[in-house]
Every structure is written in C-alpha cells, then in structure tokens.
Protein backbone atom coordinates (compact mmCIF):
# COMPACT_ATOMS: atom_id res chain seq x y z
CA MET A 1 82.86 119.71 156.82
CA LYS A 2 84.94 121.91 154.49
CA LYS A 3 88.11 120.95 156.42
CA LEU A 4 87.22 117.26 156.19
CA ILE A 5 86.67 117.47 152.42
CA ALA A 6 89.99 119.28 152.00
CA ILE A 7 91.81 116.57 153.95
CA VAL A 8 90.20 113.83 151.85
CA LEU A 9 91.11 115.57 148.58
CA THR A 10 94.69 116.01 149.75
CA LEU A 11 94.99 112.32 150.58
CA VAL A 12 93.60 111.37 147.16
CA MET A 13 96.16 113.59 145.41
CA VAL A 14 99.05 112.16 147.41
CA LEU A 15 97.98 108.58 146.74
CA GLY A 16 97.59 109.36 143.05
CA LEU A 17 101.08 110.82 142.82
CA ALA A 18 102.54 107.84 144.66
CA SER A 19 100.80 105.46 142.30
CA GLY A 20 102.03 107.36 139.28
CA CYS A 21 105.65 107.21 140.49
CA LYS A 22 105.61 103.51 141.34
CA LYS A 23 107.89 101.39 139.18
CA ALA A 24 106.20 98.89 136.84
CA ASP A 25 106.08 95.29 138.01
CA SER A 26 108.83 93.35 136.26
CA GLY A 27 106.85 90.15 136.57
CA THR A 28 104.08 91.05 134.13
CA ALA A 29 105.92 90.69 130.79
CA THR A 30 105.42 87.20 129.45
CA ASP A 31 104.01 87.88 125.98
CA THR A 32 106.50 86.44 123.48
CA GLY A 33 105.08 88.66 120.77
CA SER A 34 105.41 91.89 122.74
CA THR A 35 107.13 94.76 120.98
CA ASP A 36 106.86 97.10 123.96
CA THR A 37 109.06 95.39 126.49
CA GLU A 38 110.12 98.57 128.23
CA SER A 39 106.51 99.41 129.10
CA THR A 40 106.26 96.35 131.34
CA GLU A 41 109.62 96.58 133.08
CA THR A 42 112.01 99.48 133.48
CA THR A 43 115.62 99.25 134.61
CA THR A 44 116.19 102.98 134.89
CA GLY A 45 116.15 104.60 138.28
CA GLY A 46 117.97 101.74 139.98
CA GLY A 47 117.53 100.14 143.33
CA GLU A 48 115.81 97.03 141.99
CA THR A 49 116.66 93.42 142.77
CA TYR A 50 116.53 90.78 140.04
CA ASP A 51 116.82 87.02 140.46
CA LEU A 52 118.02 85.34 137.27
CA LYS A 53 119.13 81.85 136.31
CA VAL A 54 121.57 81.23 133.42
CA TRP A 55 122.26 77.90 131.69
CA GLY A 56 125.52 77.19 129.92
CA ALA A 57 127.81 74.30 129.04
CA GLN A 58 130.10 72.79 131.67
CA GLU A 59 133.19 74.12 129.91
CA GLU A 60 131.67 77.63 129.91
CA GLN A 61 131.03 77.92 133.64
CA THR A 62 134.21 79.72 134.66
CA LEU A 63 133.95 82.15 131.76
CA LEU A 64 130.26 82.77 132.39
CA ALA A 65 130.93 83.49 136.05
CA GLU A 66 133.47 86.15 135.08
CA MET A 67 131.06 87.70 132.57
CA VAL A 68 128.22 87.75 135.10
CA GLU A 69 130.40 89.62 137.60
CA ALA A 70 131.35 92.10 134.87
CA PHE A 71 127.65 92.59 134.09
CA LYS A 72 126.90 93.32 137.74
CA ALA A 73 129.76 95.83 137.85
CA ALA A 74 128.39 97.53 134.74
CA HIS A 75 124.97 97.92 136.40
CA PRO A 76 125.69 99.00 139.99
CA GLU A 77 122.32 100.73 140.22
CA ASN A 78 120.56 97.37 140.63
CA THR A 79 121.14 94.15 142.55
CA TYR A 80 121.40 90.97 140.47
CA ASN A 81 121.27 87.54 142.04
CA ILE A 82 122.39 85.34 139.16
CA GLU A 83 122.54 81.56 139.47
CA LEU A 84 124.51 79.49 136.94
CA GLY A 85 123.34 76.05 135.86
CA VAL A 86 125.01 73.41 133.69
CA VAL A 87 122.98 72.62 130.57
CA GLY A 88 124.92 72.21 127.32
CA GLU A 89 123.74 73.73 124.04
CA PRO A 90 122.80 70.39 122.42
CA ASP A 91 120.54 69.50 125.38
CA CYS A 92 118.97 72.89 125.95
CA PHE A 93 115.56 72.47 124.32
CA LYS A 94 115.13 68.95 125.69
CA THR A 95 115.89 70.16 129.23
CA TYR A 96 113.73 73.26 128.81
CA SER A 97 110.73 71.28 127.56
CA GLU A 98 110.78 69.03 130.63
CA ASP A 99 109.73 71.98 132.81
CA PRO A 100 109.61 75.41 131.11
CA GLU A 101 108.67 77.23 134.30
CA ALA A 102 111.74 75.86 136.10
CA ALA A 103 114.03 76.57 133.16
CA ALA A 104 116.65 79.32 133.18
CA ASP A 105 115.77 82.92 132.34
CA VAL A 106 118.73 83.03 129.92
CA PHE A 107 120.16 80.00 128.14
CA TRP A 108 122.57 78.94 125.40
CA PHE A 109 121.39 76.71 122.56
CA ALA A 110 122.32 75.66 119.02
CA ASN A 111 120.41 77.39 116.24
CA ASP A 112 118.98 74.13 114.89
CA GLN A 113 116.76 74.14 118.00
CA LEU A 114 115.28 77.56 117.20
CA ARG A 115 112.18 76.18 115.46
CA ASP A 116 111.44 73.88 118.39
CA PHE A 117 111.71 76.77 120.83
CA VAL A 118 109.55 79.09 118.73
CA ASN A 119 106.89 76.44 118.14
CA ALA A 120 106.79 75.81 121.89
CA GLY A 121 106.46 79.53 122.60
CA GLY A 122 109.61 79.29 124.68
CA LEU A 123 111.50 82.40 123.57
CA TYR A 124 110.89 86.02 124.32
CA GLU A 125 111.11 87.98 121.07
CA VAL A 126 114.17 90.24 121.04
CA THR A 127 112.81 93.78 121.04
CA ARG A 128 115.39 95.61 123.12
CA ASN A 129 118.37 97.08 121.19
CA LYS A 130 117.34 94.96 118.21
CA ASP A 131 118.84 97.23 115.52
CA ASP A 132 122.20 97.23 117.30
CA ILE A 133 122.17 93.44 117.66
CA VAL A 134 121.39 92.99 113.97
CA SER A 135 124.02 95.46 112.79
CA ARG A 136 126.86 94.09 114.93
CA ASN A 137 126.53 90.40 113.99
CA LEU A 138 127.22 88.44 110.81
CA PRO A 139 124.13 88.25 108.56
CA GLY A 140 124.13 84.45 108.65
CA SER A 141 124.01 84.43 112.44
CA ILE A 142 121.07 86.86 112.44
CA GLU A 143 119.28 84.66 109.93
CA GLY A 144 120.02 81.69 112.18
CA ALA A 145 118.35 83.51 115.09
CA THR A 146 115.33 84.68 113.10
CA MET A 147 112.03 82.99 112.34
CA ASN A 148 108.89 84.41 110.75
CA ASP A 149 110.76 87.71 110.34
CA LYS A 150 111.20 88.01 114.11
CA LEU A 151 114.49 87.94 116.00
CA TYR A 152 114.25 85.40 118.79
CA ALA A 153 117.80 85.10 120.10
CA TYR A 154 121.20 86.75 120.44
CA PRO A 155 123.98 85.37 118.21
CA ALA A 156 126.96 84.32 120.28
CA THR A 157 129.23 82.27 118.03
CA ALA A 158 129.72 81.40 114.36
CA ASP A 159 131.88 78.32 114.68
CA ASN A 160 129.74 75.32 113.79
CA GLY A 161 130.43 74.94 110.10
CA TYR A 162 132.93 73.25 107.83
CA PHE A 163 135.62 74.09 105.30
CA LEU A 164 138.74 72.53 103.76
CA TYR A 165 141.93 71.61 105.61
CA TYR A 166 144.93 70.98 103.37
CA ASP A 167 148.62 70.09 103.32
CA LYS A 168 150.68 72.97 101.92
CA SER A 169 153.45 70.60 100.88
CA VAL A 170 151.06 69.00 98.37
CA LEU A 171 148.56 71.72 97.46
CA SER A 172 148.95 75.45 96.92
CA GLU A 173 146.51 78.20 97.86
CA GLU A 174 145.53 78.39 94.19
CA ASP A 175 145.12 74.60 93.87
CA VAL A 176 142.51 74.38 96.64
CA GLN A 177 140.12 76.75 94.89
CA SER A 178 138.94 73.92 92.62
CA LEU A 179 137.99 70.35 93.53
CA ASP A 180 139.14 69.19 90.11
CA THR A 181 142.63 70.56 90.74
CA ILE A 182 142.73 69.15 94.27
CA LEU A 183 141.97 65.68 92.92
CA GLU A 184 144.44 66.02 90.06
CA LYS A 185 147.33 67.15 92.27
CA SER A 186 146.50 64.60 94.97
CA ASN A 187 146.43 61.73 92.48
CA ALA A 188 149.79 62.86 91.11
CA ALA A 189 151.22 62.80 94.64
CA GLY A 190 149.61 59.48 95.57
CA LYS A 191 147.41 61.19 98.18
CA LYS A 192 143.75 61.07 99.17
CA VAL A 193 141.01 63.73 99.47
CA PHE A 194 138.72 63.18 102.44
CA MET A 195 135.00 63.95 102.69
CA ASP A 196 132.21 62.14 104.54
CA VAL A 197 129.76 62.14 101.63
CA SER A 198 127.38 59.72 103.39
CA ASN A 199 126.73 62.42 106.00
CA GLY A 200 123.73 64.59 105.05
CA TRP A 201 125.36 67.64 106.62
CA TYR A 202 128.27 67.52 104.17
CA ILE A 203 126.64 66.17 101.01
CA ALA A 204 124.15 69.06 101.05
CA SER A 205 127.09 71.33 100.10
CA PHE A 206 126.92 70.19 96.50
CA PHE A 207 123.15 70.61 96.09
CA LEU A 208 122.90 73.89 97.98
CA GLY A 209 125.78 75.29 95.96
CA ASN A 210 123.89 74.68 92.71
CA GLY A 211 120.69 76.30 93.92
CA GLY A 212 119.03 73.37 95.69
CA LYS A 213 116.42 74.24 98.31
CA LEU A 214 115.38 72.74 101.62
CA THR A 215 112.21 74.45 102.82
CA LEU A 216 109.14 73.74 104.93
CA SER A 217 105.58 73.48 103.69
CA ALA A 218 102.69 75.25 105.40
CA ASP A 219 101.94 72.07 107.36
CA GLY A 220 105.54 71.75 108.56
CA LYS A 221 106.70 69.03 106.15
CA GLN A 222 110.19 69.08 104.66
CA GLU A 223 110.28 70.13 101.01
CA CYS A 224 113.30 69.34 98.84
CA ASP A 225 114.06 69.90 95.15
CA PHE A 226 117.33 67.96 94.93
CA ASN A 227 115.82 65.71 92.22
CA ASN A 228 115.21 68.43 89.64
CA ALA A 229 117.46 68.87 86.58
CA ALA A 230 119.99 70.93 88.52
CA GLY A 231 119.99 68.35 91.32
CA VAL A 232 120.55 65.46 88.94
CA ALA A 233 123.55 67.30 87.46
CA VAL A 234 124.89 67.65 91.00
CA GLY A 235 124.26 63.97 91.67
CA GLU A 236 126.32 63.07 88.61
CA ALA A 237 129.12 65.34 89.88
CA ILE A 238 129.05 63.61 93.28
CA LYS A 239 129.15 60.23 91.53
CA LYS A 240 132.23 61.32 89.59
CA PHE A 241 133.91 62.64 92.75
CA THR A 242 133.36 59.46 94.77
CA ALA A 243 134.58 57.35 91.82
CA ASP A 244 137.88 59.25 91.66
CA PRO A 245 140.89 57.20 92.87
CA ALA A 246 141.84 59.99 95.27
CA PHE A 247 138.45 60.04 97.06
CA LEU A 248 138.39 58.81 100.67
CA THR A 249 135.54 58.76 103.17
CA GLY A 250 135.14 57.93 106.85
CA ASP A 251 134.71 59.65 110.20
CA ASP A 252 136.84 62.27 111.98
CA ASP A 253 139.35 59.67 113.11
CA VAL A 254 140.14 58.83 109.48
CA LEU A 255 140.89 62.47 108.74
CA LYS A 256 142.95 63.04 111.88
CA GLY A 257 144.88 59.83 111.38
CA GLY A 258 145.69 60.44 107.72
CA ILE A 259 146.15 64.19 107.25
CA GLY A 260 149.79 64.96 106.59
CA GLY A 261 150.36 61.36 105.58
CA THR A 262 148.05 59.70 103.07
CA ILE A 263 145.53 62.57 103.08
CA SER A 264 146.32 65.85 101.32
CA ALA A 265 143.02 67.63 102.01
CA GLY A 266 139.81 67.04 103.95
CA VAL A 267 136.47 68.66 104.73
CA SER A 268 135.78 69.19 108.42
CA GLY A 269 135.32 71.88 111.09
CA THR A 270 137.05 73.73 113.89
CA TRP A 271 136.62 70.87 116.38
CA ASN A 272 139.48 69.07 114.57
CA ALA A 273 141.73 72.13 114.22
CA GLU A 274 144.13 71.23 117.02
CA ALA A 275 144.64 67.66 115.78
CA VAL A 276 145.06 68.69 112.14
CA ALA A 277 147.45 71.52 113.02
CA SER A 278 149.53 69.14 115.11
CA ALA A 279 149.70 66.59 112.31
CA LEU A 280 150.61 69.08 109.58
CA GLY A 281 152.97 71.35 111.50
CA ASP A 282 154.42 74.00 109.18
CA ASN A 283 152.29 72.65 106.32
CA TYR A 284 149.03 73.40 108.16
CA ALA A 285 146.53 75.38 106.05
CA ALA A 286 142.80 75.79 105.53
CA ALA A 287 140.49 77.47 103.03
CA LYS A 288 136.84 77.80 102.11
CA LEU A 289 135.29 74.85 100.31
CA PRO A 290 136.32 74.59 96.66
CA THR A 291 134.28 74.93 93.49
CA PHE A 292 133.24 71.78 91.61
CA THR A 293 132.21 71.12 88.01
CA VAL A 294 128.50 70.93 87.14
CA ASP A 295 127.51 70.75 83.48
CA GLY A 296 130.90 72.13 82.51
CA LYS A 297 130.68 75.11 84.88
CA GLN A 298 132.47 75.81 88.13
CA VAL A 299 130.04 76.04 91.07
CA GLN A 300 130.98 77.12 94.59
CA MET A 301 130.23 74.51 97.24
CA ALA A 302 127.89 75.87 99.90
CA SER A 303 127.58 74.61 103.48
CA PHE A 304 125.39 74.55 106.54
CA GLY A 305 126.36 77.25 108.99
CA GLY A 306 125.79 76.54 112.65
CA TYR A 307 125.54 79.20 115.33
CA LYS A 308 125.25 79.17 119.07
CA LEU A 309 122.57 81.52 120.35
CA VAL A 310 121.45 82.95 123.67
CA GLY A 311 117.73 83.03 124.31
CA VAL A 312 115.46 84.58 126.92
CA ASN A 313 112.78 82.36 128.42
CA SER A 314 109.30 83.65 127.56
CA LEU A 315 108.25 82.84 131.14
CA THR A 316 110.93 84.98 132.77
CA LYS A 317 109.64 87.34 135.44
CA ALA A 318 112.20 89.97 134.47
CA PRO A 319 112.36 90.19 130.67
CA VAL A 320 114.26 93.46 130.42
CA ALA A 321 116.88 92.40 132.97
CA ALA A 322 117.19 89.05 131.17
CA MET A 323 117.52 90.77 127.79
CA ASP A 324 120.14 93.15 129.15
CA LEU A 325 122.13 90.17 130.46
CA ALA A 326 121.80 88.20 127.19
CA ASP A 327 122.85 91.29 125.24
CA PHE A 328 125.89 91.74 127.49
CA LEU A 329 126.98 88.10 127.36
CA THR A 330 127.05 88.23 123.55
CA ASN A 331 128.61 91.64 122.97
CA GLU A 332 131.90 92.24 121.12
CA GLU A 333 134.06 92.27 124.24
CA ASN A 334 132.71 88.98 125.56
CA GLN A 335 132.89 87.26 122.18
CA ILE A 336 136.57 88.20 122.01
CA LYS A 337 137.04 86.86 125.55
CA ARG A 338 135.41 83.61 124.50
CA PHE A 339 137.70 83.34 121.49
CA GLU A 340 140.80 84.01 123.60
CA ALA A 341 139.79 81.48 126.23
CA ARG A 342 138.34 78.72 124.07
CA LYS A 343 139.15 79.54 120.40
CA ILE A 344 135.43 79.81 119.61
CA GLY A 345 134.61 81.75 116.45
CA PRO A 346 132.67 84.98 117.06
CA SER A 347 129.49 86.03 115.28
CA ASN A 348 130.20 89.67 116.12
CA ILE A 349 131.50 91.36 112.98
CA LYS A 350 134.17 93.49 114.66
CA ALA A 351 135.34 90.56 116.76
CA SER A 352 135.55 88.30 113.71
CA GLU A 353 137.64 90.93 111.91
CA SER A 354 140.15 91.28 114.76
CA ASP A 355 143.79 90.42 114.03
CA ALA A 356 143.72 87.55 116.53
CA VAL A 357 140.76 85.84 114.89
CA LYS A 358 142.10 86.40 111.39
CA ALA A 359 145.38 84.82 112.45
CA ASP A 360 143.56 81.62 113.43
CA VAL A 361 143.87 79.39 110.36
CA ALA A 362 140.68 77.38 110.89
CA LEU A 363 138.48 80.32 111.90
CA ALA A 364 139.75 82.38 108.97
CA ALA A 365 138.72 79.57 106.61
CA LEU A 366 135.34 79.27 108.33
CA ALA A 367 134.82 83.02 107.98
CA ALA A 368 135.61 82.80 104.26
CA GLN A 369 133.09 79.96 103.89
CA SER A 370 130.44 81.86 105.85
CA ALA A 371 129.62 83.87 102.72
CA TYR A 372 128.30 80.61 101.22
CA ALA A 373 126.78 79.14 104.39
CA LEU A 374 123.06 78.66 105.06
CA PRO A 375 121.40 78.13 108.45
CA GLN A 376 119.60 74.88 109.25
CA ASN A 377 116.42 76.55 110.51
CA ASP A 378 114.29 74.89 107.82
CA VAL A 379 115.95 71.46 107.95
CA ILE A 380 114.05 68.89 110.01
CA ALA A 381 114.64 65.27 110.99
CA SER A 382 113.13 63.71 107.86
CA TYR A 383 116.02 65.00 105.72
CA TRP A 384 118.97 63.25 107.31
CA THR A 385 118.45 59.49 106.82
CA PRO A 386 117.44 59.64 103.12
CA ALA A 387 120.36 61.98 102.38
CA GLU A 388 122.69 59.56 104.13
CA ALA A 389 121.33 56.68 102.05
CA PHE A 390 122.01 58.54 98.80
CA GLY A 391 125.52 59.43 99.94
CA THR A 392 126.19 55.84 100.95
CA ALA A 393 125.13 54.64 97.50
CA MET A 394 127.64 57.05 95.97
CA GLU A 395 130.45 56.03 98.33
CA THR A 396 129.92 52.31 97.84
CA LYS A 397 129.51 52.80 94.09
CA ASP A 398 126.08 51.16 94.11
CA TYR A 399 125.03 51.98 90.57
CA SER A 400 122.16 49.50 90.37
CA LYS A 401 119.91 52.54 89.90
CA ASP A 402 120.63 55.71 87.98
CA VAL A 403 121.14 59.03 89.73
CA GLN A 404 117.68 60.34 88.83
CA THR A 405 115.99 57.30 90.36
CA LEU A 406 118.13 57.48 93.51
CA LEU A 407 117.34 61.18 93.94
CA ASN A 408 113.62 60.63 93.31
CA GLU A 409 113.60 58.03 96.07
CA MET A 410 115.59 60.27 98.41
CA VAL A 411 113.29 63.27 97.91
CA ALA A 412 110.15 61.16 98.27
CA GLN A 413 111.36 59.79 101.60
CA ILE A 414 112.40 63.26 102.80
CA GLN A 415 109.02 64.76 101.96
CA GLU A 416 107.00 61.88 103.35
CA GLY A 417 108.61 62.58 106.72
C-alpha cells in the first residue's frame, strides 16, 4: 500500500510540473480591452506555429510579401503561415463588417474608419510595445489611431493631407506664407490661385485654423461651432477670397491642367505630385498652407490630416503574433522601404526626418503642414454635405443670404445629422 501511494504521488507531481510548463493557448485572447496580452499568449521559447491572414491594397502586395518574409526571418524560432489578401484601405471596414470572423488578423485601413471599427469592437487594443509605438510616430498619427484614450492601431503612413503647390517663377518662398500676398502677386501676373472651396475637406482649413471645433456629442451626433463670432469672421474671409479675381475652383484636373500655365498656386495633396512636378519642371515647389486675414490678424490655415493605420482583428486567435507582425510592418525600416518603393509619406519620426524624405518636395510640404493638421476621428457623415453647400454658395457668389445666416443653416443641418 505504501508503494502504491508513493507511485500515485509521483505521478501527480509529474503531471503538475507538465501542466505548469505547458505554453498558454494562443487562441484565448479575444478581449479588445485586455491590457495583459502577454498572459494569454507567449511567443518566447519558440517552436510554435501561427496561421495569420493579412489584408492590404493591390499595389502593396509585392511589398507586403517582401516584408512578411523579412518578419519570418527575424523570428526563426516560430513557424508563420501568412496569407495575403487584397482589400484596399478605403474598403477595409466595409469588407470586415461583412464577416468579422473571416476577416484578416492584420489589416490596413484609413484612420477615418477608426470610429467604425472601435464601435464594432473590431480592433484589439494595442498593448504590446505601446510606449515605443507612441514615441516613434508623429503625434498626429498617434492621435489618429487613438480613441477614448486607447491606442487601437499602428500608424503606417502620414500622407493623406494637403498643402500648397506653387510656381517659383511667379511666387517666392516668402510670398507663399500669406494668402493675401499670393493673391496680390498672382493678380499682378495675370494668374489664378486654385482651391476647391466647395469641398468640405478643404474649406474646414479656414474654420479649424481660427479655433473652430468639430466634435461628437455623448449620443454620437456631430457638433460644430462654425457659426459663432469667430466662425462668421472666417466666413467673411472665405467670401472675400472667393470674390478675388485670382480665385479659381474645380477638381484635380483643373489644377493639373493649369498649374504652370494659368495657375500660379493650388491646394492639393501628394496624389498630384507627379503631375504638378511634371508641369512645373524647374519651377516646381510646395509649402505648408498660408496664413489668411481674419479681423485684421494673420491666422494659419489648418487642415485635416489623414493617416493609414494597421489594425489587429479583435477575433484573432493569435493576438501577440498578430501584434508582433503589425508592429514589424510599420517600423522605421519598413516605412522607409514603402517611401522608396511608392513615395508614401512615413508617420515614423526618424523616417520622416531622413534626407530622402526631406528631399521630396511634396512630402516636405506635407510634413510642414502636419504641425497644423487635425485627424478626422470626430468628423462623421453629417458634416460633409452642408459644408459643401456653404462652400458652393461662396464659389458661386450667392449672396442672397448673409454669412451668419448661411453658417447658421449649415451648422443646423450638420447637427441634425
């Protein structure tokens, strides 16, 4: 009997030790609010196999494949079976919402989809290496990836914004600091200044620059103060700008077709850089947005800053492996690779300060404007159409109503949703 008891006790001890040494199941971490990710999945020790799916744009597939292979090489202790799928950033949330469980573990999306993802519980909160991620990326990109004081995604680019292109044969570097001077010099040269004021994305620059706010109420409604005294002063400034003989509006084709000819300067983004550079040749230049006059004072035009982010699906069965991959895909080295391959502006601070990026005329201007750029996290659909209507009234010089009345109507429509 004593021998039997001893054998049983020995077996219990062995089983207990085996249980204590067993690696945690990587498929148990699905809590998007978890702050203890490493307790549910551990990548140390090696010898594990992870199956991951990654979504990216069609034009990113070759680059992503190279980065995935580099990630595998950097982690030889584990086996990673990584499948690439084609889902572009603009379509990411729509595709995800069709079947969250079938969605990729790691995916690219534009930051204006962040609220949708968070409200749907679709993103795993970034808890792994968070301090490093925050410190290495531009503050605006971190803000664009943050909601309710929680970081939900990895900044990957800082290229979706706008600034001023200009013709150096007409305007100097000093001239383009002020909208008043730009208009004055352009009129003297018989040239036009381009801006799509009837587009809510661009017209917000004036209001945001003078302290205007676009926020969300507790019940998720858009709140806007563009019709207060400061907003009315801005509205009058916009009215004066659009009434100037040098003012010209239209779409991208108008800018690309006229820059270097009838157009001396125009507000746009990096997507037109190649066409504008080709048209201007040696006179190609760009700068941050100018200041404009409000109540006799010079006010810096602000802008919306757009960022591409990488998120981790809250339903992933391997959150730590997915986070490690997302972290790797958005690190300094890979952001520089993306710039070199596709001229995409990095959100990584060191990458954005590299000589190659600084030498890029459009990206250098975008970086200068980033100090005055705000993310669109709190801008929802109800804003765009009323803002467009106000801008259209300014462009067409429809002065049947005064600026205060037009702004009151715009804000009421925005807030009604």
